[in-house]
Amino acid sequence: MQEAWLQLQCPACSVAWEEQVSDLPAPETQFVCDDCGAERSLSEFMRTTRDLEVLQEFTDS
């Protein structure tokens, strides 16, 4: 099985990065930006709608 990578972007400081979907918690989990310390729901860090859909599909299975 190929690993999926998601694009994340902090809504507070706009730093962008990628993470493997298997390394991320559920979308509603509180997530902290390593760069600025902003804490929000992981779903708010998803850069695109498709990234959020992939994360939801992965955590639902």
Protein backbone atom coordinates (compact mmCIF):
# COMPACT_ATOMS: atom_id res chain seq x y z
CA MET A 1 0.00 0.00 0.00
CA GLN A 2 1.30 3.45 -0.92
CA GLU A 3 1.61 6.03 1.81
CA ALA A 4 -0.42 9.22 1.48
CA TRP A 5 1.10 12.59 2.27
CA LEU A 6 -1.05 15.52 3.35
CA GLN A 7 -0.31 19.21 3.04
CA LEU A 8 -0.73 21.18 6.23
CA GLN A 9 -0.59 24.91 6.83
CA CYS A 10 -0.83 26.70 10.14
CA PRO A 11 -3.80 29.07 10.13
CA ALA A 12 -1.96 31.42 12.53
CA CYS A 13 1.54 31.75 11.08
CA SER A 14 1.06 30.28 7.56
CA VAL A 15 4.00 27.85 7.83
CA ALA A 16 3.37 24.94 5.44
CA TRP A 17 4.64 21.35 5.62
CA GLU A 18 3.71 17.77 4.73
CA GLU A 19 2.94 14.81 6.98
CA GLN A 20 2.19 11.17 6.33
CA VAL A 21 -1.49 10.51 6.94
CA SER A 22 -0.62 7.51 9.13
CA ASP A 23 1.32 9.82 11.50
CA LEU A 24 -1.67 12.10 12.15
CA PRO A 25 -4.51 11.78 14.68
CA ALA A 26 -8.23 12.17 13.91
CA PRO A 27 -9.33 15.51 12.34
CA GLU A 28 -11.09 16.74 15.49
CA THR A 29 -7.99 16.20 17.68
CA GLN A 30 -6.26 19.31 19.03
CA PHE A 31 -3.02 19.92 17.13
CA VAL A 32 -0.18 22.33 17.89
CA CYS A 33 1.97 24.13 15.32
CA ASP A 34 5.63 23.38 16.06
CA ASP A 35 6.59 26.76 14.67
CA CYS A 36 4.35 29.23 16.53
CA GLY A 37 2.55 27.11 19.15
CA ALA A 38 -0.96 27.79 17.81
CA GLU A 39 -3.39 25.10 18.97
CA ARG A 40 -6.46 24.25 16.94
CA SER A 41 -8.38 21.29 15.59
CA LEU A 42 -6.21 19.30 13.16
CA SER A 43 -8.84 19.84 10.45
CA GLU A 44 -8.04 23.57 10.53
CA PHE A 45 -4.43 22.78 9.54
CA MET A 46 -5.40 20.94 6.34
CA ARG A 47 -4.24 23.00 3.39
CA THR A 48 -6.93 21.78 0.98
CA THR A 49 -10.36 20.22 1.19
CA ARG A 50 -8.96 17.10 -0.46
CA ASP A 51 -6.32 16.76 2.29
CA LEU A 52 -9.10 16.84 4.88
CA GLU A 53 -11.14 14.26 2.92
CA VAL A 54 -8.16 11.89 2.75
CA LEU A 55 -7.53 12.25 6.49
CA GLN A 56 -11.20 11.58 7.26
CA GLU A 57 -11.24 8.52 4.99
CA PHE A 58 -8.10 7.16 6.63
CA THR A 59 -9.30 7.64 10.19
CA ASP A 60 -12.78 6.24 9.44
CA SER A 61 -11.37 2.91 8.31
